[in-house]
Amino acid sequence: MSEVTIKVEGMSCGGCVRNVTGVLKALPGVSEAEVSLEGASARVNYDPAQVTPEQLRTAVEAAGFDSPV
């Protein structure tokens, strides 16, 4: 397993945090996703054989949030 922290911009409430958490956890290979509203970030434990950090960012962006590199 690997761990990455990605930036998540545009969250404004707990609902946003739950949305981003759900989107990330739904990806194959993601074992844990901890999203911080205050830190504007998500810490994700994932299997690099199944998902890449770029795919994580793409999922966050598809949910309507920004995830700059």
PDB file of N, CA and C in Angstrom:
ATOM      1  N   MET A   1       0.830  -1.184   0.000  1.00  0.00           N
ATOM      2  CA  MET A   1       0.000   0.000   0.000  1.00  0.00           C
ATOM      3  C   MET A   1       0.874   1.246   0.000  1.00  0.00           C
ATOM      4  N   SER A   2       0.363   2.271  -0.634  1.00  0.00           N
ATOM      5  CA  SER A   2       1.038   3.561  -0.672  1.00  0.00           C
ATOM      6  C   SER A   2       0.114   4.601  -0.062  1.00  0.00           C
ATOM      7  N   GLU A   3       0.691   5.747   0.272  1.00  0.00           N
ATOM      8  CA  GLU A   3      -0.093   6.849   0.822  1.00  0.00           C
ATOM      9  C   GLU A   3       0.276   8.120   0.083  1.00  0.00           C
ATOM     10  N   VAL A   4      -0.751   8.924  -0.214  1.00  0.00           N
ATOM     11  CA  VAL A   4      -0.529  10.206  -0.869  1.00  0.00           C
ATOM     12  C   VAL A   4      -1.485  11.217  -0.249  1.00  0.00           C
ATOM     13  N   THR A   5      -1.040  12.461  -0.181  1.00  0.00           N
ATOM     14  CA  THR A   5      -1.914  13.553   0.234  1.00  0.00           C
ATOM     15  C   THR A   5      -2.120  14.445  -0.978  1.00  0.00           C
ATOM     16  N   ILE A   6      -3.380  14.652  -1.328  1.00  0.00           N
ATOM     17  CA  ILE A   6      -3.691  15.501  -2.475  1.00  0.00           C
ATOM     18  C   ILE A   6      -4.461  16.732  -1.996  1.00  0.00           C
ATOM     19  N   LYS A   7      -4.280  17.818  -2.697  1.00  0.00           N
ATOM     20  CA  LYS A   7      -5.002  19.050  -2.395  1.00  0.00           C
ATOM     21  C   LYS A   7      -6.432  18.920  -2.910  1.00  0.00           C
ATOM     22  N   VAL A   8      -7.376  19.445  -2.120  1.00  0.00           N
ATOM     23  CA  VAL A   8      -8.776  19.466  -2.543  1.00  0.00           C
ATOM     24  C   VAL A   8      -9.300  20.868  -2.259  1.00  0.00           C
ATOM     25  N   GLU A   9      -9.543  21.624  -3.307  1.00  0.00           N
ATOM     26  CA  GLU A   9     -10.024  22.995  -3.140  1.00  0.00           C
ATOM     27  C   GLU A   9     -11.504  23.079  -3.510  1.00  0.00           C
ATOM     28  N   GLY A  10     -12.210  23.983  -2.849  1.00  0.00           N
ATOM     29  CA  GLY A  10     -13.613  24.212  -3.157  1.00  0.00           C
ATOM     30  C   GLY A  10     -14.572  23.591  -2.152  1.00  0.00           C
ATOM     31  N   MET A  11     -14.063  22.924  -1.125  1.00  0.00           N
ATOM     32  CA  MET A  11     -14.932  22.363  -0.093  1.00  0.00           C
ATOM     33  C   MET A  11     -15.324  23.474   0.881  1.00  0.00           C
ATOM     34  N   SER A  12     -16.612  23.469   1.296  1.00  0.00           N
ATOM     35  CA  SER A  12     -17.055  24.515   2.201  1.00  0.00           C
ATOM     36  C   SER A  12     -17.813  23.990   3.417  1.00  0.00           C
ATOM     37  N   CYS A  13     -18.064  22.665   3.464  1.00  0.00           N
ATOM     38  CA  CYS A  13     -18.846  22.142   4.586  1.00  0.00           C
ATOM     39  C   CYS A  13     -18.602  20.647   4.761  1.00  0.00           C
ATOM     40  N   GLY A  14     -19.220  20.095   5.792  1.00  0.00           N
ATOM     41  CA  GLY A  14     -19.093  18.675   6.061  1.00  0.00           C
ATOM     42  C   GLY A  14     -19.659  17.815   4.944  1.00  0.00           C
ATOM     43  N   GLY A  15     -20.671  18.311   4.253  1.00  0.00           N
ATOM     44  CA  GLY A  15     -21.228  17.565   3.124  1.00  0.00           C
ATOM     45  C   GLY A  15     -20.210  17.403   2.013  1.00  0.00           C
ATOM     46  N   CYS A  16     -19.425  18.429   1.790  1.00  0.00           N
ATOM     47  CA  CYS A  16     -18.364  18.358   0.778  1.00  0.00           C
ATOM     48  C   CYS A  16     -17.338  17.296   1.174  1.00  0.00           C
ATOM     49  N   VAL A  17     -16.983  17.276   2.454  1.00  0.00           N
ATOM     50  CA  VAL A  17     -16.021  16.294   2.951  1.00  0.00           C
ATOM     51  C   VAL A  17     -16.555  14.884   2.736  1.00  0.00           C
ATOM     52  N   ARG A  18     -17.822  14.656   3.067  1.00  0.00           N
ATOM     53  CA  ARG A  18     -18.425  13.333   2.881  1.00  0.00           C
ATOM     54  C   ARG A  18     -18.460  12.958   1.398  1.00  0.00           C
ATOM     55  N   ASN A  19     -18.761  13.921   0.542  1.00  0.00           N
ATOM     56  CA  ASN A  19     -18.807  13.672  -0.900  1.00  0.00           C
ATOM     57  C   ASN A  19     -17.441  13.236  -1.417  1.00  0.00           C
ATOM     58  N   VAL A  20     -16.404  13.989  -1.092  1.00  0.00           N
ATOM     59  CA  VAL A  20     -15.044  13.666  -1.555  1.00  0.00           C
ATOM     60  C   VAL A  20     -14.595  12.323  -0.972  1.00  0.00           C
ATOM     61  N   THR A  21     -14.877  12.097   0.306  1.00  0.00           N
ATOM     62  CA  THR A  21     -14.504  10.824   0.939  1.00  0.00           C
ATOM     63  C   THR A  21     -15.160   9.658   0.209  1.00  0.00           C
ATOM     64  N   GLY A  22     -16.444   9.779  -0.089  1.00  0.00           N
ATOM     65  CA  GLY A  22     -17.167   8.711  -0.770  1.00  0.00           C
ATOM     66  C   GLY A  22     -16.650   8.441  -2.160  1.00  0.00           C
ATOM     67  N   VAL A  23     -16.338   9.505  -2.888  1.00  0.00           N
ATOM     68  CA  VAL A  23     -15.815   9.360  -4.250  1.00  0.00           C
ATOM     69  C   VAL A  23     -14.474   8.633  -4.231  1.00  0.00           C
ATOM     70  N   LEU A  24     -13.614   9.004  -3.300  1.00  0.00           N
ATOM     71  CA  LEU A  24     -12.298   8.370  -3.225  1.00  0.00           C
ATOM     72  C   LEU A  24     -12.394   6.912  -2.783  1.00  0.00           C
ATOM     73  N   LYS A  25     -13.211   6.641  -1.761  1.00  0.00           N
ATOM     74  CA  LYS A  25     -13.330   5.275  -1.257  1.00  0.00           C
ATOM     75  C   LYS A  25     -13.970   4.334  -2.285  1.00  0.00           C
ATOM     76  N   ALA A  26     -14.725   4.885  -3.230  1.00  0.00           N
ATOM     77  CA  ALA A  26     -15.373   4.064  -4.250  1.00  0.00           C
ATOM     78  C   ALA A  26     -14.397   3.569  -5.315  1.00  0.00           C
ATOM     79  N   LEU A  27     -13.217   4.169  -5.380  1.00  0.00           N
ATOM     80  CA  LEU A  27     -12.240   3.755  -6.387  1.00  0.00           C
ATOM     81  C   LEU A  27     -11.607   2.421  -6.012  1.00  0.00           C
ATOM     82  N   PRO A  28     -11.409   1.542  -7.005  1.00  0.00           N
ATOM     83  CA  PRO A  28     -10.741   0.272  -6.719  1.00  0.00           C
ATOM     84  C   PRO A  28      -9.326   0.524  -6.209  1.00  0.00           C
ATOM     85  N   GLY A  29      -8.945  -0.180  -5.169  1.00  0.00           N
ATOM     86  CA  GLY A  29      -7.596  -0.057  -4.637  1.00  0.00           C
ATOM     87  C   GLY A  29      -7.451   0.928  -3.502  1.00  0.00           C
ATOM     88  N   VAL A  30      -8.491   1.727  -3.230  1.00  0.00           N
ATOM     89  CA  VAL A  30      -8.422   2.688  -2.124  1.00  0.00           C
ATOM     90  C   VAL A  30      -8.884   1.995  -0.853  1.00  0.00           C
ATOM     91  N   SER A  31      -8.018   1.946   0.158  1.00  0.00           N
ATOM     92  CA  SER A  31      -8.379   1.296   1.411  1.00  0.00           C
ATOM     93  C   SER A  31      -8.836   2.300   2.466  1.00  0.00           C
ATOM     94  N   GLU A  32      -8.353   3.540   2.358  1.00  0.00           N
ATOM     95  CA  GLU A  32      -8.724   4.560   3.334  1.00  0.00           C
ATOM     96  C   GLU A  32      -8.598   5.933   2.703  1.00  0.00           C
ATOM     97  N   ALA A  33      -9.536   6.816   3.047  1.00  0.00           N
ATOM     98  CA  ALA A  33      -9.473   8.210   2.591  1.00  0.00           C
ATOM     99  C   ALA A  33      -9.889   9.092   3.758  1.00  0.00           C
ATOM    100  N   GLU A  34      -8.998   9.979   4.161  1.00  0.00           N
ATOM    101  CA  GLU A  34      -9.278  10.903   5.260  1.00  0.00           C
ATOM    102  C   GLU A  34      -9.217  12.319   4.688  1.00  0.00           C
ATOM    103  N   VAL A  35     -10.376  12.963   4.618  1.00  0.00           N
ATOM    104  CA  VAL A  35     -10.479  14.277   3.990  1.00  0.00           C
ATOM    105  C   VAL A  35     -10.576  15.343   5.070  1.00  0.00           C
ATOM    106  N   SER A  36      -9.799  16.415   4.915  1.00  0.00           N
ATOM    107  CA  SER A  36      -9.777  17.513   5.884  1.00  0.00           C
ATOM    108  C   SER A  36     -10.294  18.791   5.244  1.00  0.00           C
ATOM    109  N   LEU A  37     -11.394  19.314   5.793  1.00  0.00           N
ATOM    110  CA  LEU A  37     -11.938  20.584   5.319  1.00  0.00           C
ATOM    111  C   LEU A  37     -10.963  21.715   5.638  1.00  0.00           C
ATOM    112  N   GLU A  38     -10.450  21.733   6.868  1.00  0.00           N
ATOM    113  CA  GLU A  38      -9.536  22.790   7.300  1.00  0.00           C
ATOM    114  C   GLU A  38      -8.231  22.761   6.516  1.00  0.00           C
ATOM    115  N   GLY A  39      -7.725  21.566   6.251  1.00  0.00           N
ATOM    116  CA  GLY A  39      -6.452  21.425   5.538  1.00  0.00           C
ATOM    117  C   GLY A  39      -6.598  21.433   4.026  1.00  0.00           C
ATOM    118  N   ALA A  40      -7.851  21.441   3.534  1.00  0.00           N
ATOM    119  CA  ALA A  40      -8.126  21.405   2.096  1.00  0.00           C
ATOM    120  C   ALA A  40      -7.325  20.301   1.409  1.00  0.00           C
ATOM    121  N   SER A  41      -7.413  19.091   2.017  1.00  0.00           N
ATOM    122  CA  SER A  41      -6.619  17.991   1.491  1.00  0.00           C
ATOM    123  C   SER A  41      -7.292  16.654   1.783  1.00  0.00           C
ATOM    124  N   ALA A  42      -6.775  15.632   1.115  1.00  0.00           N
ATOM    125  CA  ALA A  42      -7.223  14.265   1.360  1.00  0.00           C
ATOM    126  C   ALA A  42      -5.989  13.381   1.465  1.00  0.00           C
ATOM    127  N   ARG A  43      -5.928  12.599   2.542  1.00  0.00           N
ATOM    128  CA  ARG A  43      -4.861  11.619   2.711  1.00  0.00           C
ATOM    129  C   ARG A  43      -5.449  10.271   2.326  1.00  0.00           C
ATOM    130  N   VAL A  44      -4.837   9.627   1.345  1.00  0.00           N
ATOM    131  CA  VAL A  44      -5.411   8.406   0.782  1.00  0.00           C
ATOM    132  C   VAL A  44      -4.397   7.265   0.844  1.00  0.00           C
ATOM    133  N   ASN A  45      -4.829   6.132   1.381  1.00  0.00           N
ATOM    134  CA  ASN A  45      -4.054   4.899   1.326  1.00  0.00           C
ATOM    135  C   ASN A  45      -4.602   4.096   0.152  1.00  0.00           C
ATOM    136  N   TYR A  46      -3.713   3.667  -0.736  1.00  0.00           N
ATOM    137  CA  TYR A  46      -4.179   3.013  -1.952  1.00  0.00           C
ATOM    138  C   TYR A  46      -3.173   1.978  -2.441  1.00  0.00           C
ATOM    139  N   ASP A  47      -3.655   1.096  -3.298  1.00  0.00           N
ATOM    140  CA  ASP A  47      -2.823   0.084  -3.935  1.00  0.00           C
ATOM    141  C   ASP A  47      -2.387   0.633  -5.296  1.00  0.00           C
ATOM    142  N   PRO A  48      -1.090   0.940  -5.466  1.00  0.00           N
ATOM    143  CA  PRO A  48      -0.637   1.540  -6.726  1.00  0.00           C
ATOM    144  C   PRO A  48      -0.791   0.621  -7.935  1.00  0.00           C
ATOM    145  N   ALA A  49      -1.050  -0.652  -7.709  1.00  0.00           N
ATOM    146  CA  ALA A  49      -1.292  -1.561  -8.827  1.00  0.00           C
ATOM    147  C   ALA A  49      -2.709  -1.391  -9.372  1.00  0.00           C
ATOM    148  N   GLN A  50      -3.589  -0.728  -8.595  1.00  0.00           N
ATOM    149  CA  GLN A  50      -4.982  -0.582  -9.004  1.00  0.00           C
ATOM    150  C   GLN A  50      -5.397   0.850  -9.329  1.00  0.00           C
ATOM    151  N   VAL A  51      -4.745   1.834  -8.719  1.00  0.00           N
ATOM    152  CA  VAL A  51      -5.146   3.229  -8.919  1.00  0.00           C
ATOM    153  C   VAL A  51      -3.914   4.126  -8.763  1.00  0.00           C
ATOM    154  N   THR A  52      -3.903   5.236  -9.498  1.00  0.00           N
ATOM    155  CA  THR A  52      -2.782   6.179  -9.443  1.00  0.00           C
ATOM    156  C   THR A  52      -3.219   7.475  -8.771  1.00  0.00           C
ATOM    157  N   PRO A  53      -2.267   8.265  -8.269  1.00  0.00           N
ATOM    158  CA  PRO A  53      -2.626   9.577  -7.715  1.00  0.00           C
ATOM    159  C   PRO A  53      -3.368  10.452  -8.729  1.00  0.00           C
ATOM    160  N   GLU A  54      -3.023  10.343  -9.994  1.00  0.00           N
ATOM    161  CA  GLU A  54      -3.724  11.131 -11.016  1.00  0.00           C
ATOM    162  C   GLU A  54      -5.192  10.713 -11.112  1.00  0.00           C
ATOM    163  N   GLN A  55      -5.466   9.432 -10.995  1.00  0.00           N
ATOM    164  CA  GLN A  55      -6.854   8.968 -11.013  1.00  0.00           C
ATOM    165  C   GLN A  55      -7.614   9.460  -9.783  1.00  0.00           C
ATOM    166  N   LEU A  56      -6.933   9.561  -8.652  1.00  0.00           N
ATOM    167  CA  LEU A  56      -7.553  10.111  -7.449  1.00  0.00           C
ATOM    168  C   LEU A  56      -7.950  11.564  -7.687  1.00  0.00           C
ATOM    169  N   ARG A  57      -7.028  12.341  -8.259  1.00  0.00           N
ATOM    170  CA  ARG A  57      -7.314  13.755  -8.554  1.00  0.00           C
ATOM    171  C   ARG A  57      -8.467  13.882  -9.548  1.00  0.00           C
ATOM    172  N   THR A  58      -8.473  13.031 -10.565  1.00  0.00           N
ATOM    173  CA  THR A  58      -9.532  13.069 -11.571  1.00  0.00           C
ATOM    174  C   THR A  58     -10.894  12.795 -10.930  1.00  0.00           C
ATOM    175  N   ALA A  59     -10.957  11.862 -10.000  1.00  0.00           N
ATOM    176  CA  ALA A  59     -12.216  11.549  -9.310  1.00  0.00           C
ATOM    177  C   ALA A  59     -12.686  12.733  -8.484  1.00  0.00           C
ATOM    178  N   VAL A  60     -11.757  13.407  -7.803  1.00  0.00           N
ATOM    179  CA  VAL A  60     -12.115  14.593  -7.005  1.00  0.00           C
ATOM    180  C   VAL A  60     -12.654  15.686  -7.930  1.00  0.00           C
ATOM    181  N   GLU A  61     -12.011  15.896  -9.053  1.00  0.00           N
ATOM    182  CA  GLU A  61     -12.455  16.918 -10.007  1.00  0.00           C
ATOM    183  C   GLU A  61     -13.807  16.558 -10.623  1.00  0.00           C
ATOM    184  N   ALA A  62     -14.037  15.285 -10.878  1.00  0.00           N
ATOM    185  CA  ALA A  62     -15.332  14.844 -11.433  1.00  0.00           C
ATOM    186  C   ALA A  62     -16.462  15.076 -10.438  1.00  0.00           C
ATOM    187  N   ALA A  63     -16.125  15.111  -9.142  1.00  0.00           N
ATOM    188  CA  ALA A  63     -17.119  15.373  -8.102  1.00  0.00           C
ATOM    189  C   ALA A  63     -17.386  16.870  -7.933  1.00  0.00           C
ATOM    190  N   GLY A  64     -16.673  17.700  -8.692  1.00  0.00           N
ATOM    191  CA  GLY A  64     -16.925  19.140  -8.677  1.00  0.00           C
ATOM    192  C   GLY A  64     -15.962  19.971  -7.857  1.00  0.00           C
ATOM    193  N   PHE A  65     -14.840  19.385  -7.475  1.00  0.00           N
ATOM    194  CA  PHE A  65     -13.853  20.107  -6.673  1.00  0.00           C
ATOM    195  C   PHE A  65     -12.545  20.210  -7.461  1.00  0.00           C
ATOM    196  N   ASP A  66     -11.684  21.125  -7.056  1.00  0.00           N
ATOM    197  CA  ASP A  66     -10.393  21.272  -7.713  1.00  0.00           C
ATOM    198  C   ASP A  66      -9.335  20.471  -6.958  1.00  0.00           C
ATOM    199  N   SER A  67      -8.414  19.879  -7.710  1.00  0.00           N
ATOM    200  CA  SER A  67      -7.321  19.137  -7.092  1.00  0.00           C
ATOM    201  C   SER A  67      -6.028  19.473  -7.827  1.00  0.00           C
ATOM    202  N   PRO A  68      -5.473  20.672  -7.539  1.00  0.00           N
ATOM    203  CA  PRO A  68      -4.238  21.066  -8.213  1.00  0.00           C
ATOM    204  C   PRO A  68      -3.064  20.201  -7.791  1.00  0.00           C
ATOM    205  N   VAL A  69      -2.111  20.052  -8.680  1.00  0.00           N
ATOM    206  CA  VAL A  69      -0.919  19.250  -8.376  1.00  0.00           C
ATOM    207  C   VAL A  69       0.003  20.023  -7.474  1.00  0.00           C
TER     208      VAL A  69
END
